[in-house]
């Protein structure tokens, strides 16, 4: 779509006959009302979700469910301590800083003498 600004729309709308302006206003108001009616339901609260979980548990919905505990564990992952895990995460998260330090802006600048 072409880049149409608000001012362009106003100028064009002012050129319309009064009856057409009324139709345009009516159309826009009706569209606003439809959009307001289509507003999504409010998000459930934490308390409501917890209550729903308790209600489901009480009805036995989760009885006889197969547990997924350990089903997708990767036996090839080495055991690491929490400290080692966090150190590895920090290393990954700060790797970009080291790469930025290695960046030499002089190699990319063009000098007029070359």
N, C-alpha and C. Protein backbone atom coordinates (compact mmCIF):
# COMPACT_ATOMS: atom_id res chain seq x y z
N UNK A 1 0.85 -1.17 0.00
CA UNK A 1 0.00 0.00 0.00
C UNK A 1 0.89 1.23 0.00
N UNK A 2 0.47 2.25 -0.70
CA UNK A 2 1.24 3.49 -0.76
C UNK A 2 1.32 4.12 0.62
N UNK A 3 2.33 4.93 0.81
CA UNK A 3 2.50 5.62 2.09
C UNK A 3 1.52 6.79 2.16
N UNK A 4 0.40 6.55 2.79
CA UNK A 4 -0.64 7.57 2.93
C UNK A 4 -0.60 8.07 4.37
N UNK A 5 -0.51 9.37 4.52
CA UNK A 5 -0.43 9.95 5.86
C UNK A 5 -1.83 10.36 6.32
N UNK A 6 -1.92 10.63 7.59
CA UNK A 6 -3.17 11.10 8.18
C UNK A 6 -3.61 12.40 7.51
N UNK A 7 -2.65 13.29 7.28
CA UNK A 7 -2.98 14.58 6.65
C UNK A 7 -3.55 14.38 5.25
N UNK A 8 -3.01 13.42 4.51
CA UNK A 8 -3.55 13.13 3.17
C UNK A 8 -5.01 12.69 3.26
N UNK A 9 -5.30 11.84 4.22
CA UNK A 9 -6.66 11.35 4.39
C UNK A 9 -7.60 12.49 4.76
N UNK A 10 -7.15 13.37 5.65
CA UNK A 10 -7.99 14.51 6.07
C UNK A 10 -8.28 15.41 4.88
N UNK A 11 -7.24 15.71 4.08
CA UNK A 11 -7.44 16.58 2.90
C UNK A 11 -8.44 15.96 1.93
N UNK A 12 -8.32 14.65 1.70
CA UNK A 12 -9.25 13.99 0.79
C UNK A 12 -10.66 13.94 1.37
N UNK A 13 -10.77 13.69 2.68
CA UNK A 13 -12.09 13.62 3.31
C UNK A 13 -12.78 14.98 3.27
N UNK A 14 -12.00 16.04 3.38
CA UNK A 14 -12.60 17.38 3.34
C UNK A 14 -13.14 17.71 1.94
N UNK A 15 -12.64 17.04 0.92
CA UNK A 15 -13.11 17.28 -0.45
C UNK A 15 -14.43 16.55 -0.74
N UNK A 16 -14.83 15.63 0.12
CA UNK A 16 -16.07 14.89 -0.09
C UNK A 16 -17.28 15.77 0.16
N UNK A 17 -18.39 15.39 -0.45
CA UNK A 17 -19.67 16.05 -0.17
C UNK A 17 -20.04 15.76 1.28
N UNK A 18 -20.85 16.61 1.85
CA UNK A 18 -21.22 16.46 3.26
C UNK A 18 -21.88 15.12 3.53
N UNK A 19 -22.71 14.65 2.62
CA UNK A 19 -23.37 13.35 2.83
C UNK A 19 -22.34 12.21 2.81
N UNK A 20 -21.33 12.32 1.92
CA UNK A 20 -20.29 11.30 1.88
C UNK A 20 -19.41 11.36 3.13
N UNK A 21 -19.19 12.57 3.64
CA UNK A 21 -18.43 12.70 4.89
C UNK A 21 -19.18 12.01 6.03
N UNK A 22 -20.52 12.19 6.06
CA UNK A 22 -21.33 11.54 7.08
C UNK A 22 -21.24 10.02 6.95
N UNK A 23 -21.27 9.52 5.71
CA UNK A 23 -21.15 8.08 5.48
C UNK A 23 -19.80 7.56 5.97
N UNK A 24 -18.74 8.32 5.69
CA UNK A 24 -17.40 7.93 6.12
C UNK A 24 -17.31 7.90 7.64
N UNK A 25 -17.84 8.91 8.28
CA UNK A 25 -17.83 8.96 9.75
C UNK A 25 -18.62 7.79 10.32
N UNK A 26 -19.78 7.53 9.74
CA UNK A 26 -20.62 6.41 10.20
C UNK A 26 -19.90 5.08 10.03
N UNK A 27 -19.23 4.92 8.89
CA UNK A 27 -18.48 3.68 8.63
C UNK A 27 -17.37 3.49 9.66
N UNK A 28 -16.60 4.56 9.93
CA UNK A 28 -15.49 4.45 10.88
C UNK A 28 -15.99 4.18 12.29
N UNK A 29 -17.09 4.85 12.68
CA UNK A 29 -17.66 4.60 14.02
C UNK A 29 -18.13 3.15 14.15
N UNK A 30 -18.80 2.65 13.12
CA UNK A 30 -19.28 1.26 13.16
C UNK A 30 -18.10 0.30 13.27
N UNK A 31 -17.04 0.58 12.54
CA UNK A 31 -15.86 -0.30 12.59
C UNK A 31 -15.22 -0.27 13.98
N UNK A 32 -15.17 0.92 14.60
CA UNK A 32 -14.63 1.01 15.95
C UNK A 32 -15.46 0.19 16.92
N UNK A 33 -16.77 0.26 16.80
CA UNK A 33 -17.65 -0.49 17.70
C UNK A 33 -17.46 -1.99 17.53
N UNK A 34 -17.28 -2.46 16.29
CA UNK A 34 -17.06 -3.88 16.05
C UNK A 34 -15.76 -4.32 16.69
N UNK A 35 -14.71 -3.52 16.54
CA UNK A 35 -13.41 -3.86 17.12
C UNK A 35 -13.48 -3.89 18.64
N UNK A 36 -14.25 -2.98 19.24
CA UNK A 36 -14.40 -2.97 20.69
C UNK A 36 -15.13 -4.22 21.17
N UNK A 37 -16.10 -4.69 20.37
CA UNK A 37 -16.84 -5.89 20.73
C UNK A 37 -15.99 -7.14 20.63
N UNK A 38 -14.94 -7.10 19.80
CA UNK A 38 -14.10 -8.26 19.57
C UNK A 38 -12.90 -8.32 20.52
N UNK A 39 -12.90 -7.48 21.53
CA UNK A 39 -11.80 -7.48 22.49
C UNK A 39 -11.76 -8.84 23.19
N UNK A 40 -10.59 -9.40 23.31
CA UNK A 40 -10.43 -10.73 23.90
C UNK A 40 -10.84 -10.73 25.37
N UNK A 41 -11.21 -11.90 25.82
CA UNK A 41 -11.58 -12.05 27.23
C UNK A 41 -10.35 -11.78 28.09
N UNK A 42 -10.55 -11.28 29.29
CA UNK A 42 -9.40 -10.99 30.14
C UNK A 42 -8.61 -12.25 30.48
N UNK A 43 -7.33 -12.08 30.66
CA UNK A 43 -6.45 -13.20 31.02
C UNK A 43 -6.86 -13.75 32.39
N UNK A 44 -6.81 -15.05 32.55
CA UNK A 44 -7.15 -15.61 33.88
C UNK A 44 -6.07 -15.23 34.90
N UNK A 45 -6.47 -15.12 36.12
CA UNK A 45 -5.51 -14.79 37.18
C UNK A 45 -4.78 -16.06 37.60
N UNK A 46 -3.69 -15.86 38.29
CA UNK A 46 -2.90 -16.99 38.79
C UNK A 46 -3.76 -17.83 39.73
N UNK A 47 -4.51 -17.15 40.58
CA UNK A 47 -5.35 -17.84 41.54
C UNK A 47 -6.41 -18.70 40.83
N UNK A 48 -6.98 -18.15 39.75
CA UNK A 48 -8.01 -18.90 39.02
C UNK A 48 -7.41 -20.14 38.37
N UNK A 49 -6.20 -20.02 37.84
CA UNK A 49 -5.53 -21.18 37.22
C UNK A 49 -5.19 -22.24 38.26
N UNK A 50 -4.73 -21.80 39.42
CA UNK A 50 -4.41 -22.76 40.49
C UNK A 50 -5.67 -23.47 40.95
N UNK A 51 -6.75 -22.71 41.09
CA UNK A 51 -8.02 -23.31 41.50
C UNK A 51 -8.49 -24.33 40.46
N UNK A 52 -8.33 -24.00 39.18
CA UNK A 52 -8.70 -24.94 38.13
C UNK A 52 -7.87 -26.22 38.22
N UNK A 53 -6.59 -26.09 38.52
CA UNK A 53 -5.73 -27.27 38.68
C UNK A 53 -6.22 -28.12 39.84
N UNK A 54 -6.53 -27.49 40.97
CA UNK A 54 -7.03 -28.25 42.12
C UNK A 54 -8.34 -28.95 41.80
N UNK A 55 -9.22 -28.25 41.06
CA UNK A 55 -10.50 -28.84 40.69
C UNK A 55 -10.29 -30.06 39.78
N UNK A 56 -9.37 -29.94 38.82
CA UNK A 56 -9.09 -31.05 37.92
C UNK A 56 -8.49 -32.23 38.68
N UNK A 57 -7.58 -31.94 39.60
CA UNK A 57 -7.00 -33.02 40.41
C UNK A 57 -8.07 -33.72 41.23
N UNK A 58 -9.01 -32.93 41.78
CA UNK A 58 -10.06 -33.51 42.61
C UNK A 58 -10.99 -34.41 41.80
N UNK A 59 -11.17 -34.11 40.53
CA UNK A 59 -12.05 -34.94 39.71
C UNK A 59 -11.33 -36.16 39.17
N UNK A 60 -10.00 -36.26 39.39
CA UNK A 60 -9.25 -37.43 38.97
C UNK A 60 -8.79 -37.41 37.53
N UNK A 61 -8.77 -36.24 36.93
CA UNK A 61 -8.34 -36.14 35.53
C UNK A 61 -6.91 -36.62 35.34
N UNK A 62 -6.07 -36.40 36.35
CA UNK A 62 -4.66 -36.74 36.20
C UNK A 62 -4.32 -38.14 36.71
N UNK A 63 -5.31 -38.87 37.19
CA UNK A 63 -5.06 -40.24 37.63
C UNK A 63 -4.74 -41.12 36.42
N UNK A 64 -3.86 -42.07 36.62
CA UNK A 64 -3.48 -43.02 35.57
C UNK A 64 -2.87 -42.35 34.34
N UNK A 65 -2.21 -41.23 34.55
CA UNK A 65 -1.51 -40.56 33.45
C UNK A 65 -0.07 -41.06 33.43
N UNK A 66 0.47 -41.26 32.26
CA UNK A 66 1.85 -41.71 32.14
C UNK A 66 2.78 -40.52 32.38
N UNK A 67 3.73 -40.70 33.25
CA UNK A 67 4.67 -39.64 33.57
C UNK A 67 5.70 -39.48 32.45
N UNK A 68 6.05 -38.26 32.18
CA UNK A 68 7.08 -37.98 31.17
C UNK A 68 8.46 -37.78 31.81
N UNK A 69 8.53 -37.97 33.13
CA UNK A 69 9.78 -37.77 33.84
C UNK A 69 10.87 -38.68 33.27
N UNK A 70 11.94 -38.09 32.77
CA UNK A 70 13.08 -38.83 32.26
C UNK A 70 12.89 -39.41 30.86
N UNK A 71 11.74 -39.25 30.27
CA UNK A 71 11.48 -39.85 28.96
C UNK A 71 12.35 -39.22 27.87
N UNK A 72 12.63 -37.95 28.00
CA UNK A 72 13.37 -37.26 26.96
C UNK A 72 14.74 -36.81 27.45
N UNK A 73 15.23 -37.42 28.47
CA UNK A 73 16.56 -37.08 28.98
C UNK A 73 17.61 -37.57 28.00
N UNK A 74 18.66 -36.80 27.86
CA UNK A 74 19.75 -37.16 26.96
C UNK A 74 20.87 -37.76 27.79
N UNK A 75 21.15 -39.05 27.66
CA UNK A 75 22.19 -39.67 28.48
C UNK A 75 23.60 -39.22 28.10
N UNK A 76 23.75 -38.56 26.96
CA UNK A 76 25.07 -38.11 26.53
C UNK A 76 25.49 -36.78 27.14
N UNK A 77 24.58 -36.13 27.86
CA UNK A 77 24.91 -34.86 28.50
C UNK A 77 25.69 -35.15 29.76
N UNK A 78 26.88 -34.56 29.89
CA UNK A 78 27.69 -34.85 31.08
C UNK A 78 27.09 -34.20 32.33
N UNK A 79 27.33 -34.82 33.48
CA UNK A 79 26.90 -34.24 34.75
C UNK A 79 27.79 -33.05 35.07
N UNK A 80 27.17 -31.92 35.37
CA UNK A 80 27.92 -30.73 35.75
C UNK A 80 27.30 -30.15 37.01
N UNK A 81 28.12 -29.49 37.77
CA UNK A 81 27.61 -28.86 38.99
C UNK A 81 26.85 -27.59 38.60
N UNK A 82 26.10 -27.06 39.55
CA UNK A 82 25.35 -25.84 39.30
C UNK A 82 26.29 -24.69 38.98
N UNK A 83 27.44 -24.63 39.69
CA UNK A 83 28.40 -23.55 39.46
C UNK A 83 28.97 -23.64 38.04
N UNK A 84 29.30 -24.85 37.60
CA UNK A 84 29.83 -25.02 36.24
C UNK A 84 28.77 -24.65 35.20
N UNK A 85 27.54 -25.02 35.47
CA UNK A 85 26.45 -24.71 34.56
C UNK A 85 26.30 -23.20 34.39
N UNK A 86 26.29 -22.47 35.52
CA UNK A 86 26.15 -21.02 35.46
C UNK A 86 27.37 -20.36 34.83
N UNK A 87 28.54 -20.92 35.06
CA UNK A 87 29.74 -20.38 34.42
C UNK A 87 29.66 -20.55 32.90
N UNK A 88 29.18 -21.70 32.46
CA UNK A 88 29.02 -21.93 31.02
C UNK A 88 27.99 -20.98 30.43
N UNK A 89 26.88 -20.76 31.14
CA UNK A 89 25.87 -19.82 30.67
C UNK A 89 26.44 -18.40 30.56
N UNK A 90 27.22 -18.02 31.56
CA UNK A 90 27.83 -16.68 31.53
C UNK A 90 28.79 -16.56 30.35
N UNK A 91 29.56 -17.60 30.10
CA UNK A 91 30.49 -17.59 28.98
C UNK A 91 29.74 -17.43 27.66
N UNK A 92 28.66 -18.16 27.51
CA UNK A 92 27.86 -18.06 26.28
C UNK A 92 27.25 -16.67 26.14
N UNK A 93 26.73 -16.15 27.25
CA UNK A 93 26.05 -14.85 27.21
C UNK A 93 27.02 -13.70 26.97
N UNK A 94 28.27 -13.85 27.36
CA UNK A 94 29.23 -12.75 27.21
C UNK A 94 30.17 -12.96 26.02
N UNK A 95 29.96 -13.99 25.25
CA UNK A 95 30.84 -14.29 24.12
C UNK A 95 30.84 -13.15 23.10
N UNK A 96 29.69 -12.52 22.90
CA UNK A 96 29.61 -11.43 21.93
C UNK A 96 30.49 -10.26 22.33
N UNK A 97 30.67 -10.04 23.63
CA UNK A 97 31.51 -8.94 24.09
C UNK A 97 32.97 -9.19 23.70
N UNK A 98 33.40 -10.44 23.83
CA UNK A 98 34.77 -10.78 23.45
C UNK A 98 34.96 -10.61 21.95
N UNK A 99 33.96 -11.01 21.17
CA UNK A 99 34.05 -10.85 19.73
C UNK A 99 34.07 -9.38 19.35
N UNK A 100 33.34 -8.56 20.08
CA UNK A 100 33.33 -7.13 19.81
C UNK A 100 34.69 -6.52 20.12
N UNK A 101 35.35 -7.01 21.18
CA UNK A 101 36.68 -6.52 21.51
C UNK A 101 37.69 -6.87 20.43
N UNK A 102 37.48 -8.00 19.75
CA UNK A 102 38.39 -8.41 18.68
C UNK A 102 38.18 -7.60 17.41
N UNK A 103 37.07 -6.93 17.31
CA UNK A 103 36.75 -6.15 16.12
C UNK A 103 37.67 -4.95 16.03
N UNK A 104 38.31 -4.77 14.89
CA UNK A 104 39.22 -3.65 14.67
C UNK A 104 38.60 -2.73 13.63
N UNK A 105 38.04 -1.61 14.05
CA UNK A 105 37.37 -0.74 13.09
C UNK A 105 38.33 -0.16 12.05
N UNK A 106 39.62 -0.12 12.35
CA UNK A 106 40.58 0.45 11.42
C UNK A 106 40.68 -0.37 10.14
N UNK A 107 40.47 -1.67 10.22
CA UNK A 107 40.61 -2.51 9.03
C UNK A 107 39.47 -2.28 8.03
N UNK A 108 38.37 -1.69 8.48
CA UNK A 108 37.23 -1.48 7.59
C UNK A 108 37.13 -0.03 7.10
N UNK A 109 37.89 0.85 7.70
CA UNK A 109 37.80 2.26 7.26
C UNK A 109 38.66 2.44 6.02
N UNK A 110 38.15 3.22 5.10
CA UNK A 110 38.92 3.46 3.88
C UNK A 110 39.65 4.79 4.04
N UNK A 111 40.93 4.72 3.82
CA UNK A 111 41.71 5.94 3.94
C UNK A 111 41.87 6.56 2.54
N UNK A 112 41.93 7.87 2.47
CA UNK A 112 42.02 8.53 1.16
C UNK A 112 43.37 8.28 0.47
N UNK A 113 44.38 7.81 1.22
CA UNK A 113 45.71 7.61 0.65
C UNK A 113 45.82 6.27 -0.08
N UNK A 114 44.87 5.37 0.08
CA UNK A 114 44.99 4.05 -0.56
C UNK A 114 44.21 3.97 -1.82
